[in-house]
């Protein structure tokens, strides 16, 4: 069941987007994710662009159970069918994926629908169409998505001011540049390589959590 708006906003504080390409040969995504949750990850999106449907389904089901065992919300990137099949908490869709309104129609009112946005117009439309939160970026240049437009901090701030739903910053975020997000109005950050490319994922998540606390809640 979808949490309240305030609970959702709190859960978006440190949002991990999975990427198996960063893992060592002897490391599973489940192991990496459990470490990250141990370090303070509060929300998880499984993102698999290169797994076949059945493999993705198995992976998503296992990761959902892991997240739920720790009380962490779990959403599926793009694939509403998989999200429904594994009873995920919801789905996250991009501008080129399924429309937010259609995702909401298929998932119903109790599931979480997150939407990627790069402009104020996209953000307002997503909110009007039933989005629960926005992922806005890339805030800084990123190697995780080669075609990502760099939104920048000022536009991020404008988007936060334009909508009433929580906004998560994503794209090129590191311990070193988190301070630039102070005063933007975000609920949290979403990261990929800042956790999954690190050897010690628990420590990486803990460091990000601590620094973000300083930046947003000082």
N, C-alpha and C. Protein backbone atom coordinates (compact mmCIF):
# COMPACT_ATOMS: atom_id res chain seq x y z
N UNK A 1 0.84 -1.19 0.00
CA UNK A 1 0.00 0.00 0.00
C UNK A 1 0.89 1.25 0.00
N UNK A 2 0.47 2.23 -0.76
CA UNK A 2 1.24 3.46 -0.83
C UNK A 2 1.24 4.17 0.51
N UNK A 3 2.40 4.68 0.89
CA UNK A 3 2.52 5.39 2.16
C UNK A 3 1.92 6.79 2.02
N UNK A 4 1.80 7.46 3.16
CA UNK A 4 1.31 8.84 3.13
C UNK A 4 2.34 9.72 2.44
N UNK A 5 1.92 10.94 2.08
CA UNK A 5 2.81 11.86 1.37
C UNK A 5 4.05 12.18 2.19
N UNK A 6 3.86 12.39 3.49
CA UNK A 6 5.02 12.71 4.33
C UNK A 6 5.95 11.52 4.48
N UNK A 7 5.39 10.33 4.61
CA UNK A 7 6.21 9.12 4.71
C UNK A 7 6.98 8.89 3.41
N UNK A 8 6.33 9.11 2.28
CA UNK A 8 7.01 8.95 0.99
C UNK A 8 8.15 9.93 0.87
N UNK A 9 7.90 11.18 1.21
CA UNK A 9 8.95 12.20 1.12
C UNK A 9 10.15 11.81 1.97
N UNK A 10 9.93 11.31 3.17
CA UNK A 10 11.03 10.89 4.04
C UNK A 10 11.78 9.71 3.45
N UNK A 11 11.05 8.79 2.82
CA UNK A 11 11.68 7.59 2.28
C UNK A 11 12.57 7.89 1.06
N UNK A 12 12.35 9.02 0.43
CA UNK A 12 13.11 9.39 -0.77
C UNK A 12 14.47 10.01 -0.46
N UNK A 13 14.84 10.07 0.79
CA UNK A 13 16.04 10.78 1.23
C UNK A 13 17.30 10.26 0.52
N UNK A 14 17.56 8.97 0.58
CA UNK A 14 18.72 8.39 -0.12
C UNK A 14 18.23 7.24 -0.97
N UNK A 15 18.09 7.52 -2.25
CA UNK A 15 17.40 6.67 -3.24
C UNK A 15 18.47 6.02 -4.11
N UNK A 16 18.52 4.70 -4.08
CA UNK A 16 19.52 3.96 -4.87
C UNK A 16 18.89 3.39 -6.13
N UNK A 17 19.52 3.64 -7.27
CA UNK A 17 19.10 3.06 -8.55
C UNK A 17 20.13 1.99 -8.90
N UNK A 18 19.70 0.76 -9.07
CA UNK A 18 20.64 -0.34 -9.25
C UNK A 18 21.32 -0.30 -10.62
N UNK A 19 22.54 -0.79 -10.64
CA UNK A 19 23.29 -0.92 -11.90
C UNK A 19 24.33 -2.03 -11.72
N UNK A 20 24.03 -3.20 -12.29
CA UNK A 20 24.90 -4.36 -12.10
C UNK A 20 26.24 -4.22 -12.82
N UNK A 21 26.34 -3.27 -13.76
CA UNK A 21 27.58 -3.14 -14.53
C UNK A 21 28.77 -2.74 -13.65
N UNK A 22 28.50 -2.18 -12.47
CA UNK A 22 29.58 -1.77 -11.57
C UNK A 22 30.05 -2.89 -10.66
N UNK A 23 29.35 -4.01 -10.63
CA UNK A 23 29.65 -5.05 -9.65
C UNK A 23 30.88 -5.86 -10.00
N UNK A 24 31.54 -6.35 -8.97
CA UNK A 24 32.67 -7.27 -9.16
C UNK A 24 32.13 -8.61 -9.65
N UNK A 25 33.02 -9.43 -10.24
CA UNK A 25 32.59 -10.70 -10.82
C UNK A 25 31.98 -11.64 -9.80
N UNK A 26 32.42 -11.55 -8.55
CA UNK A 26 31.93 -12.47 -7.52
C UNK A 26 30.84 -11.84 -6.65
N UNK A 27 30.26 -10.74 -7.13
CA UNK A 27 29.29 -10.00 -6.34
C UNK A 27 27.92 -10.05 -7.01
N UNK A 28 26.88 -10.30 -6.21
CA UNK A 28 25.52 -10.27 -6.74
C UNK A 28 24.88 -8.92 -6.45
N UNK A 29 23.86 -8.59 -7.21
CA UNK A 29 23.16 -7.34 -6.98
C UNK A 29 22.47 -7.35 -5.61
N UNK A 30 21.99 -8.52 -5.21
CA UNK A 30 21.37 -8.63 -3.90
C UNK A 30 22.36 -8.33 -2.78
N UNK A 31 23.57 -8.88 -2.90
CA UNK A 31 24.60 -8.61 -1.89
C UNK A 31 24.93 -7.12 -1.83
N UNK A 32 25.11 -6.52 -3.01
CA UNK A 32 25.45 -5.10 -3.08
C UNK A 32 24.34 -4.24 -2.49
N UNK A 33 23.10 -4.60 -2.80
CA UNK A 33 21.97 -3.82 -2.31
C UNK A 33 21.80 -3.96 -0.80
N UNK A 34 22.03 -5.15 -0.28
CA UNK A 34 21.93 -5.34 1.16
C UNK A 34 22.98 -4.49 1.89
N UNK A 35 24.18 -4.43 1.34
CA UNK A 35 25.21 -3.56 1.91
C UNK A 35 24.75 -2.10 1.91
N UNK A 36 24.22 -1.68 0.77
CA UNK A 36 23.80 -0.27 0.62
C UNK A 36 22.69 0.07 1.60
N UNK A 37 21.73 -0.83 1.75
CA UNK A 37 20.65 -0.60 2.71
C UNK A 37 21.20 -0.54 4.13
N UNK A 38 22.18 -1.38 4.41
CA UNK A 38 22.83 -1.35 5.72
C UNK A 38 23.49 -0.01 6.00
N UNK A 39 23.92 0.68 4.95
CA UNK A 39 24.54 1.99 5.10
C UNK A 39 23.57 3.14 5.15
N UNK A 40 22.30 2.88 4.91
CA UNK A 40 21.31 3.95 5.04
C UNK A 40 20.49 4.27 3.82
N UNK A 41 20.53 3.45 2.77
CA UNK A 41 19.64 3.66 1.62
C UNK A 41 18.19 3.53 2.07
N UNK A 42 17.35 4.45 1.63
CA UNK A 42 15.96 4.51 2.12
C UNK A 42 14.91 4.20 1.05
N UNK A 43 15.34 4.03 -0.21
CA UNK A 43 14.41 3.79 -1.31
C UNK A 43 15.21 3.14 -2.42
N UNK A 44 14.62 2.19 -3.14
CA UNK A 44 15.35 1.46 -4.18
C UNK A 44 14.53 1.38 -5.46
N UNK A 45 15.21 1.64 -6.57
CA UNK A 45 14.65 1.41 -7.90
C UNK A 45 15.52 0.39 -8.62
N UNK A 46 14.91 -0.70 -9.08
CA UNK A 46 15.66 -1.67 -9.87
C UNK A 46 15.60 -1.24 -11.33
N UNK A 47 16.77 -1.09 -11.93
CA UNK A 47 16.87 -0.63 -13.31
C UNK A 47 17.70 -1.65 -14.10
N UNK A 48 17.06 -2.36 -14.99
CA UNK A 48 17.73 -3.40 -15.77
C UNK A 48 17.40 -3.20 -17.24
N UNK A 49 18.36 -2.71 -18.00
CA UNK A 49 18.15 -2.46 -19.42
C UNK A 49 18.59 -3.63 -20.31
N UNK A 50 19.30 -4.60 -19.72
CA UNK A 50 19.89 -5.63 -20.57
C UNK A 50 19.52 -7.05 -20.16
N UNK A 51 18.64 -7.21 -19.18
CA UNK A 51 18.17 -8.55 -18.81
C UNK A 51 16.92 -8.90 -19.61
N UNK A 52 16.77 -10.20 -19.95
CA UNK A 52 15.54 -10.63 -20.59
C UNK A 52 14.40 -10.57 -19.57
N UNK A 53 13.19 -10.66 -20.07
CA UNK A 53 12.01 -10.45 -19.23
C UNK A 53 11.96 -11.39 -18.03
N UNK A 54 12.19 -12.68 -18.26
CA UNK A 54 12.09 -13.65 -17.17
C UNK A 54 13.16 -13.42 -16.12
N UNK A 55 14.38 -13.11 -16.57
CA UNK A 55 15.47 -12.85 -15.63
C UNK A 55 15.19 -11.59 -14.82
N UNK A 56 14.67 -10.58 -15.50
CA UNK A 56 14.31 -9.33 -14.81
C UNK A 56 13.24 -9.61 -13.76
N UNK A 57 12.27 -10.43 -14.11
CA UNK A 57 11.19 -10.76 -13.18
C UNK A 57 11.75 -11.44 -11.93
N UNK A 58 12.64 -12.41 -12.12
CA UNK A 58 13.22 -13.11 -10.98
C UNK A 58 14.03 -12.16 -10.11
N UNK A 59 14.83 -11.33 -10.79
CA UNK A 59 15.66 -10.37 -10.06
C UNK A 59 14.80 -9.40 -9.25
N UNK A 60 13.77 -8.86 -9.90
CA UNK A 60 12.91 -7.89 -9.23
C UNK A 60 12.20 -8.51 -8.04
N UNK A 61 11.74 -9.73 -8.18
CA UNK A 61 11.03 -10.38 -7.07
C UNK A 61 11.96 -10.57 -5.87
N UNK A 62 13.18 -11.04 -6.15
CA UNK A 62 14.13 -11.25 -5.06
C UNK A 62 14.55 -9.96 -4.38
N UNK A 63 14.79 -8.92 -5.17
CA UNK A 63 15.20 -7.63 -4.60
C UNK A 63 14.06 -6.98 -3.83
N UNK A 64 12.84 -7.16 -4.31
CA UNK A 64 11.69 -6.62 -3.58
C UNK A 64 11.61 -7.23 -2.19
N UNK A 65 11.77 -8.55 -2.11
CA UNK A 65 11.70 -9.21 -0.81
C UNK A 65 12.81 -8.72 0.11
N UNK A 66 13.99 -8.50 -0.46
CA UNK A 66 15.11 -7.97 0.33
C UNK A 66 14.77 -6.58 0.87
N UNK A 67 14.28 -5.72 0.00
CA UNK A 67 13.93 -4.37 0.42
C UNK A 67 12.84 -4.38 1.48
N UNK A 68 11.80 -5.18 1.25
CA UNK A 68 10.69 -5.23 2.20
C UNK A 68 11.14 -5.77 3.56
N UNK A 69 12.10 -6.67 3.56
CA UNK A 69 12.57 -7.21 4.83
C UNK A 69 13.25 -6.13 5.67
N UNK A 70 13.68 -5.05 5.02
CA UNK A 70 14.31 -3.93 5.71
C UNK A 70 13.38 -2.70 5.79
N UNK A 71 12.14 -2.84 5.35
CA UNK A 71 11.20 -1.73 5.39
C UNK A 71 11.51 -0.63 4.39
N UNK A 72 12.15 -0.98 3.28
CA UNK A 72 12.55 -0.01 2.26
C UNK A 72 11.64 -0.12 1.03
N UNK A 73 11.02 0.97 0.59
CA UNK A 73 10.18 0.92 -0.61
C UNK A 73 10.97 0.51 -1.84
N UNK A 74 10.31 -0.21 -2.75
CA UNK A 74 10.95 -0.78 -3.92
C UNK A 74 10.10 -0.52 -5.16
N UNK A 75 10.68 0.14 -6.17
CA UNK A 75 9.97 0.38 -7.42
C UNK A 75 10.77 -0.16 -8.59
N UNK A 76 10.07 -0.37 -9.69
CA UNK A 76 10.67 -0.92 -10.91
C UNK A 76 10.80 0.19 -11.95
N UNK A 77 11.94 0.26 -12.60
CA UNK A 77 12.14 1.22 -13.66
C UNK A 77 11.34 0.83 -14.90
N UNK A 78 10.45 1.69 -15.34
CA UNK A 78 9.80 1.61 -16.65
C UNK A 78 8.75 0.50 -16.81
N UNK A 79 9.03 -0.71 -16.35
CA UNK A 79 8.22 -1.88 -16.71
C UNK A 79 7.05 -2.08 -15.75
N UNK A 80 5.89 -1.57 -16.12
CA UNK A 80 4.69 -1.68 -15.28
C UNK A 80 4.27 -3.14 -15.14
N UNK A 81 4.44 -3.92 -16.19
CA UNK A 81 4.06 -5.34 -16.13
C UNK A 81 4.83 -6.07 -15.05
N UNK A 82 6.14 -5.84 -15.00
CA UNK A 82 6.97 -6.47 -13.98
C UNK A 82 6.59 -5.95 -12.59
N UNK A 83 6.37 -4.65 -12.47
CA UNK A 83 5.99 -4.07 -11.18
C UNK A 83 4.71 -4.71 -10.65
N UNK A 84 3.74 -4.93 -11.52
CA UNK A 84 2.49 -5.56 -11.10
C UNK A 84 2.72 -7.03 -10.75
N UNK A 85 3.51 -7.73 -11.57
CA UNK A 85 3.71 -9.17 -11.38
C UNK A 85 4.40 -9.49 -10.06
N UNK A 86 5.34 -8.64 -9.65
CA UNK A 86 6.08 -8.91 -8.42
C UNK A 86 5.51 -8.16 -7.22
N UNK A 87 4.42 -7.42 -7.44
CA UNK A 87 3.79 -6.61 -6.38
C UNK A 87 4.77 -5.61 -5.79
N UNK A 88 5.52 -4.94 -6.67
CA UNK A 88 6.41 -3.87 -6.22
C UNK A 88 5.59 -2.73 -5.65
N UNK A 89 6.26 -1.83 -4.94
CA UNK A 89 5.56 -0.66 -4.41
C UNK A 89 5.12 0.30 -5.50
N UNK A 90 5.75 0.19 -6.68
CA UNK A 90 5.37 1.07 -7.77
C UNK A 90 6.34 1.01 -8.91
N UNK A 91 6.36 2.08 -9.69
CA UNK A 91 7.15 2.13 -10.91
C UNK A 91 7.71 3.54 -11.07
N UNK A 92 8.83 3.63 -11.79
CA UNK A 92 9.36 4.93 -12.17
C UNK A 92 9.46 4.98 -13.68
N UNK A 93 8.88 6.01 -14.29
CA UNK A 93 8.87 6.12 -15.75
C UNK A 93 9.57 7.39 -16.19
N UNK A 94 10.25 7.30 -17.34
CA UNK A 94 10.89 8.46 -17.94
C UNK A 94 9.97 9.10 -18.97
N UNK A 95 10.45 10.18 -19.56
CA UNK A 95 9.64 10.90 -20.54
C UNK A 95 9.41 10.08 -21.81
N UNK A 96 10.30 9.15 -22.10
CA UNK A 96 10.15 8.32 -23.30
C UNK A 96 9.54 6.95 -22.99
N UNK A 97 9.18 6.72 -21.72
CA UNK A 97 8.56 5.46 -21.32
C UNK A 97 7.04 5.61 -21.34
N UNK A 98 6.35 4.71 -20.68
CA UNK A 98 4.90 4.81 -20.58
C UNK A 98 4.50 6.14 -19.92
N UNK A 99 3.44 6.75 -20.43
CA UNK A 99 2.96 8.01 -19.86
C UNK A 99 2.55 7.81 -18.42
N UNK A 100 2.77 8.83 -17.62
CA UNK A 100 2.43 8.77 -16.20
C UNK A 100 0.96 8.42 -15.99
N UNK A 101 0.07 9.06 -16.74
CA UNK A 101 -1.36 8.83 -16.57
C UNK A 101 -1.72 7.36 -16.84
N UNK A 102 -1.08 6.76 -17.86
CA UNK A 102 -1.33 5.36 -18.18
C UNK A 102 -0.79 4.45 -17.08
N UNK A 103 0.41 4.76 -16.58
CA UNK A 103 0.98 3.97 -15.49
C UNK A 103 0.08 4.02 -14.27
N UNK A 104 -0.44 5.20 -13.96
CA UNK A 104 -1.35 5.34 -12.82
C UNK A 104 -2.63 4.54 -13.04
N UNK A 105 -3.14 4.57 -14.25
CA UNK A 105 -4.36 3.82 -14.57
C UNK A 105 -4.14 2.32 -14.35
N UNK A 106 -3.00 1.80 -14.79
CA UNK A 106 -2.72 0.38 -14.68
C UNK A 106 -2.39 -0.05 -13.25
N UNK A 107 -1.69 0.80 -12.53
CA UNK A 107 -1.26 0.45 -11.18
C UNK A 107 -2.31 0.73 -10.11
N UNK A 108 -3.20 1.66 -10.39
CA UNK A 108 -4.21 2.03 -9.41
C UNK A 108 -3.70 3.08 -8.44
N UNK A 109 -4.56 3.52 -7.53
CA UNK A 109 -4.23 4.66 -6.67
C UNK A 109 -3.29 4.35 -5.52
N UNK A 110 -3.11 3.06 -5.20
CA UNK A 110 -2.34 2.71 -4.00
C UNK A 110 -0.85 2.53 -4.25
N UNK A 111 -0.44 2.46 -5.51
CA UNK A 111 0.97 2.25 -5.84
C UNK A 111 1.67 3.59 -6.09
N UNK A 112 2.99 3.56 -5.98
CA UNK A 112 3.81 4.75 -6.20
C UNK A 112 4.13 4.88 -7.69
N UNK A 113 3.97 6.07 -8.23
CA UNK A 113 4.40 6.37 -9.59
C UNK A 113 5.37 7.56 -9.54
N UNK A 114 6.60 7.30 -9.93
CA UNK A 114 7.60 8.35 -10.03
C UNK A 114 7.85 8.68 -11.48
N UNK A 115 8.20 9.92 -11.77
CA UNK A 115 8.39 10.36 -13.15
C UNK A 115 9.67 11.19 -13.26
N UNK A 116 10.45 10.94 -14.31
CA UNK A 116 11.62 11.76 -14.59
C UNK A 116 11.19 13.06 -15.26
N UNK A 117 11.80 14.16 -14.88
CA UNK A 117 11.47 15.46 -15.47
C UNK A 117 12.73 16.30 -15.60
N UNK A 118 12.77 17.08 -16.68
CA UNK A 118 13.92 17.97 -16.92
C UNK A 118 13.52 19.43 -16.98
N UNK A 119 12.23 19.69 -17.06
CA UNK A 119 11.74 21.07 -17.17
C UNK A 119 10.58 21.30 -16.22
N UNK A 120 10.28 22.55 -15.96
CA UNK A 120 9.13 22.90 -15.13
C UNK A 120 7.84 22.39 -15.77
N UNK A 121 7.74 22.50 -17.09
CA UNK A 121 6.54 22.06 -17.79
C UNK A 121 6.33 20.55 -17.61
N UNK A 122 7.39 19.76 -17.78
CA UNK A 122 7.28 18.31 -17.59
C UNK A 122 6.90 17.98 -16.15
N UNK A 123 7.47 18.72 -15.22
CA UNK A 123 7.19 18.47 -13.81
C UNK A 123 5.73 18.75 -13.47
N UNK A 124 5.20 19.87 -13.94
CA UNK A 124 3.80 20.21 -13.66
C UNK A 124 2.84 19.22 -14.31
N UNK A 125 3.15 18.78 -15.52
CA UNK A 125 2.30 17.81 -16.20
C UNK A 125 2.30 16.48 -15.46
N UNK A 126 3.47 16.05 -15.01
CA UNK A 126 3.56 14.79 -14.28
C UNK A 126 2.73 14.85 -12.99
N UNK A 127 2.83 15.96 -12.28
CA UNK A 127 2.05 16.12 -11.06
C UNK A 127 0.55 16.07 -11.38
N UNK A 128 0.14 16.76 -12.43
CA UNK A 128 -1.27 16.78 -12.82
C UNK A 128 -1.76 15.40 -13.22
N UNK A 129 -0.85 14.58 -13.77
CA UNK A 129 -1.22 13.24 -14.24
C UNK A 129 -1.14 12.18 -13.16
N UNK A 130 -0.80 12.58 -11.94
CA UNK A 130 -0.85 11.64 -10.84
C UNK A 130 0.47 11.14 -10.31
N UNK A 131 1.57 11.77 -10.69
CA UNK A 131 2.87 11.35 -10.16
C UNK A 131 2.95 11.60 -8.66
N UNK A 132 3.61 10.71 -7.96
CA UNK A 132 3.81 10.86 -6.51
C UNK A 132 5.10 11.60 -6.19
N UNK A 133 6.09 11.48 -7.07
CA UNK A 133 7.35 12.19 -6.87
C UNK A 133 8.02 12.36 -8.23
N UNK A 134 9.01 13.23 -8.28
CA UNK A 134 9.76 13.48 -9.50
C UNK A 134 11.23 13.16 -9.30
N UNK A 135 11.87 12.60 -10.32
CA UNK A 135 13.31 12.47 -10.37
C UNK A 135 13.82 13.50 -11.36
N UNK A 136 14.58 14.48 -10.91
CA UNK A 136 14.99 15.60 -11.76
C UNK A 136 16.50 15.57 -11.98
N UNK A 137 16.90 15.59 -13.24
CA UNK A 137 18.31 15.57 -13.59
C UNK A 137 18.49 15.34 -15.08
N UNK A 138 19.72 15.23 -15.48
CA UNK A 138 20.90 15.14 -14.64
C UNK A 138 21.29 16.52 -14.09
N UNK A 139 21.46 16.59 -12.76
CA UNK A 139 21.84 17.85 -12.14
C UNK A 139 23.26 18.23 -12.53
N UNK A 140 24.14 17.23 -12.56
CA UNK A 140 25.53 17.41 -12.98
C UNK A 140 25.83 16.40 -14.09
N UNK A 141 26.89 16.61 -14.86
CA UNK A 141 27.25 15.62 -15.89
C UNK A 141 27.42 14.24 -15.27
N UNK A 142 26.95 13.21 -15.99
CA UNK A 142 26.98 11.85 -15.47
C UNK A 142 27.38 10.86 -16.54
N UNK A 143 28.11 9.84 -16.12
CA UNK A 143 28.47 8.76 -17.03
C UNK A 143 27.47 7.63 -17.04
N UNK A 144 26.48 7.68 -16.13
CA UNK A 144 25.51 6.60 -16.04
C UNK A 144 24.48 6.64 -17.16
N UNK A 145 24.29 7.83 -17.74
CA UNK A 145 23.33 7.98 -18.83
C UNK A 145 23.90 8.98 -19.82
N UNK A 146 24.47 8.47 -20.90
CA UNK A 146 25.25 9.29 -21.82
C UNK A 146 24.44 10.42 -22.46
N UNK A 147 23.13 10.19 -22.67
CA UNK A 147 22.32 11.18 -23.39
C UNK A 147 21.58 12.12 -22.45
N UNK A 148 21.91 12.09 -21.18
CA UNK A 148 21.18 12.91 -20.21
C UNK A 148 21.51 14.38 -20.37
N UNK A 149 20.47 15.21 -20.43
CA UNK A 149 20.66 16.66 -20.45
C UNK A 149 21.07 17.11 -19.05
N UNK A 150 22.01 18.05 -18.98
CA UNK A 150 22.39 18.60 -17.68
C UNK A 150 21.41 19.71 -17.32
N UNK A 151 20.64 19.48 -16.29
CA UNK A 151 19.59 20.40 -15.86
C UNK A 151 20.18 21.57 -15.07
N UNK A 152 21.12 21.25 -14.18
CA UNK A 152 21.73 22.29 -13.36
C UNK A 152 20.95 22.58 -12.09
N UNK A 153 21.61 23.22 -11.16
CA UNK A 153 21.03 23.47 -9.84
C UNK A 153 19.89 24.49 -9.89
N UNK A 154 20.01 25.52 -10.70
CA UNK A 154 18.98 26.56 -10.72
C UNK A 154 17.65 26.04 -11.27
N UNK A 155 17.71 25.23 -12.33
CA UNK A 155 16.45 24.68 -12.85
C UNK A 155 15.87 23.67 -11.87
N UNK A 156 16.72 22.91 -11.21
CA UNK A 156 16.25 22.01 -10.16
C UNK A 156 15.47 22.79 -9.11
N UNK A 157 16.00 23.90 -8.70
CA UNK A 157 15.34 24.75 -7.70
C UNK A 157 14.00 25.26 -8.23
N UNK A 158 13.96 25.66 -9.51
CA UNK A 158 12.71 26.14 -10.12
C UNK A 158 11.65 25.05 -10.14
N UNK A 159 12.07 23.82 -10.45
CA UNK A 159 11.12 22.70 -10.50
C UNK A 159 10.57 22.42 -9.11
N UNK A 160 11.43 22.41 -8.11
CA UNK A 160 10.98 22.18 -6.74
C UNK A 160 9.93 23.21 -6.32
N UNK A 161 10.14 24.45 -6.74
CA UNK A 161 9.21 25.52 -6.38
C UNK A 161 7.90 25.44 -7.15
N UNK A 162 7.90 24.75 -8.30
CA UNK A 162 6.73 24.72 -9.17
C UNK A 162 5.74 23.62 -8.84
N UNK A 163 6.16 22.63 -8.04
CA UNK A 163 5.28 21.50 -7.74
C UNK A 163 5.17 21.29 -6.24
N UNK A 164 4.15 20.55 -5.84
CA UNK A 164 3.96 20.27 -4.42
C UNK A 164 4.38 18.86 -4.04
N UNK A 165 4.67 18.00 -5.02
CA UNK A 165 5.12 16.64 -4.74
C UNK A 165 6.63 16.63 -4.51
N UNK A 166 7.16 15.61 -3.83
CA UNK A 166 8.59 15.57 -3.54
C UNK A 166 9.43 15.46 -4.81
N UNK A 167 10.61 16.06 -4.77
CA UNK A 167 11.55 16.04 -5.88
C UNK A 167 12.85 15.41 -5.40
N UNK A 168 13.37 14.49 -6.21
CA UNK A 168 14.65 13.85 -5.95
C UNK A 168 15.63 14.28 -7.02
N UNK A 169 16.80 14.75 -6.62
CA UNK A 169 17.84 15.12 -7.57
C UNK A 169 18.62 13.88 -8.00
N UNK A 170 18.97 13.81 -9.28
CA UNK A 170 19.73 12.67 -9.78
C UNK A 170 20.72 13.15 -10.84
N UNK A 171 21.82 12.43 -10.95
CA UNK A 171 22.76 12.71 -12.03
C UNK A 171 24.05 13.36 -11.60
N UNK A 172 25.12 12.58 -11.57
CA UNK A 172 26.44 13.11 -11.28
C UNK A 172 26.66 13.54 -9.85
N UNK A 173 25.86 13.03 -8.93
CA UNK A 173 25.95 13.45 -7.53
C UNK A 173 27.06 12.69 -6.81
N UNK A 174 27.87 13.42 -6.07
CA UNK A 174 28.97 12.85 -5.29
C UNK A 174 29.02 13.52 -3.93
N UNK A 175 29.80 12.95 -3.04
CA UNK A 175 29.98 13.57 -1.73
C UNK A 175 30.47 15.00 -1.87
N UNK A 176 31.32 15.22 -2.88
CA UNK A 176 31.96 16.52 -3.03
C UNK A 176 31.02 17.61 -3.52
N UNK A 177 29.99 17.26 -4.30
CA UNK A 177 29.12 18.32 -4.84
C UNK A 177 27.74 18.40 -4.18
N UNK A 178 27.48 17.58 -3.17
CA UNK A 178 26.16 17.63 -2.53
C UNK A 178 25.87 18.98 -1.91
N UNK A 179 26.88 19.67 -1.46
CA UNK A 179 26.67 20.98 -0.84
C UNK A 179 26.01 21.98 -1.76
N UNK A 180 26.16 21.79 -3.08
CA UNK A 180 25.54 22.70 -4.04
C UNK A 180 24.02 22.57 -4.08
N UNK A 181 23.48 21.52 -3.46
CA UNK A 181 22.04 21.29 -3.47
C UNK A 181 21.33 21.97 -2.30
N UNK A 182 22.08 22.58 -1.42
CA UNK A 182 21.47 23.26 -0.27
C UNK A 182 20.50 24.34 -0.73
N UNK A 183 19.32 24.36 -0.14
CA UNK A 183 18.34 25.38 -0.46
C UNK A 183 17.54 25.16 -1.72
N UNK A 184 17.71 24.01 -2.37
CA UNK A 184 16.98 23.77 -3.62
C UNK A 184 15.54 23.32 -3.37
N UNK A 185 15.29 22.73 -2.22
CA UNK A 185 13.95 22.24 -1.92
C UNK A 185 13.74 20.76 -2.18
N UNK A 186 14.82 20.03 -2.50
CA UNK A 186 14.67 18.60 -2.78
C UNK A 186 14.34 17.82 -1.52
N UNK A 187 13.71 16.65 -1.73
CA UNK A 187 13.44 15.72 -0.63
C UNK A 187 14.61 14.79 -0.41
N UNK A 188 15.41 14.57 -1.47
CA UNK A 188 16.52 13.65 -1.37
C UNK A 188 17.29 13.56 -2.67
N UNK A 189 18.19 12.58 -2.73
CA UNK A 189 19.00 12.37 -3.92
C UNK A 189 18.87 10.92 -4.38
N UNK A 190 19.02 10.72 -5.69
CA UNK A 190 19.09 9.37 -6.26
C UNK A 190 20.48 9.19 -6.86
N UNK A 191 21.11 8.07 -6.54
CA UNK A 191 22.47 7.82 -6.99
C UNK A 191 22.62 6.41 -7.56
N UNK A 192 23.59 6.28 -8.42
CA UNK A 192 23.92 4.97 -9.00
C UNK A 192 25.37 4.65 -8.66
N UNK A 193 26.29 5.25 -9.41
CA UNK A 193 27.71 4.92 -9.24
C UNK A 193 28.25 5.37 -7.89
N UNK A 194 27.66 6.40 -7.28
CA UNK A 194 28.14 6.87 -5.98
C UNK A 194 28.01 5.79 -4.91
N UNK A 195 27.19 4.79 -5.19
CA UNK A 195 27.11 3.62 -4.30
C UNK A 195 27.63 2.37 -4.99
N UNK A 196 27.07 2.03 -6.16
CA UNK A 196 27.35 0.72 -6.75
C UNK A 196 28.74 0.60 -7.38
N UNK A 197 29.38 1.72 -7.65
CA UNK A 197 30.76 1.67 -8.18
C UNK A 197 31.79 1.65 -7.06
N UNK A 198 31.33 1.73 -5.81
CA UNK A 198 32.26 1.78 -4.69
C UNK A 198 32.51 0.38 -4.14
N UNK A 199 33.74 0.16 -3.70
CA UNK A 199 34.09 -1.16 -3.17
C UNK A 199 33.30 -1.47 -1.91
N UNK A 200 33.22 -0.49 -1.00
CA UNK A 200 32.46 -0.67 0.23
C UNK A 200 31.16 0.11 0.12
N UNK A 201 30.11 -0.58 -0.28
CA UNK A 201 28.84 0.09 -0.56
C UNK A 201 28.14 0.55 0.72
N UNK A 202 28.33 -0.17 1.78
CA UNK A 202 27.73 0.25 3.05
C UNK A 202 28.34 1.58 3.51
N UNK A 203 29.65 1.68 3.44
CA UNK A 203 30.31 2.92 3.84
C UNK A 203 29.94 4.07 2.90
N UNK A 204 29.86 3.78 1.59
CA UNK A 204 29.51 4.82 0.62
C UNK A 204 28.12 5.37 0.92
N UNK A 205 27.17 4.47 1.20
CA UNK A 205 25.81 4.92 1.51
C UNK A 205 25.77 5.70 2.82
N UNK A 206 26.51 5.24 3.81
CA UNK A 206 26.54 5.92 5.10
C UNK A 206 27.13 7.32 4.97
N UNK A 207 28.19 7.46 4.18
CA UNK A 207 28.82 8.76 3.97
C UNK A 207 27.87 9.71 3.26
N UNK A 208 27.18 9.20 2.23
CA UNK A 208 26.21 10.03 1.51
C UNK A 208 25.07 10.45 2.44
N UNK A 209 24.59 9.53 3.22
CA UNK A 209 23.49 9.81 4.14
C UNK A 209 23.88 10.90 5.13
N UNK A 210 25.07 10.78 5.67
CA UNK A 210 25.54 11.75 6.66
C UNK A 210 25.72 13.13 6.03
N UNK A 211 26.32 13.17 4.85
CA UNK A 211 26.55 14.45 4.18
C UNK A 211 25.24 15.10 3.77
N UNK A 212 24.30 14.28 3.27
CA UNK A 212 23.01 14.81 2.86
C UNK A 212 22.25 15.37 4.06
N UNK A 213 22.36 14.70 5.18
CA UNK A 213 21.75 15.21 6.41
C UNK A 213 22.28 16.61 6.73
N UNK A 214 23.59 16.78 6.59
CA UNK A 214 24.20 18.09 6.85
C UNK A 214 23.67 19.15 5.89
N UNK A 215 23.53 18.76 4.62
CA UNK A 215 23.16 19.72 3.58
C UNK A 215 21.68 20.12 3.67
N UNK A 216 20.81 19.13 3.87
CA UNK A 216 19.37 19.40 3.79
C UNK A 216 18.72 19.68 5.14
N UNK A 217 19.30 19.21 6.21
CA UNK A 217 18.61 19.31 7.50
C UNK A 217 19.42 20.05 8.54
N UNK A 218 20.39 20.82 8.12
CA UNK A 218 21.21 21.58 9.06
C UNK A 218 20.37 22.68 9.70
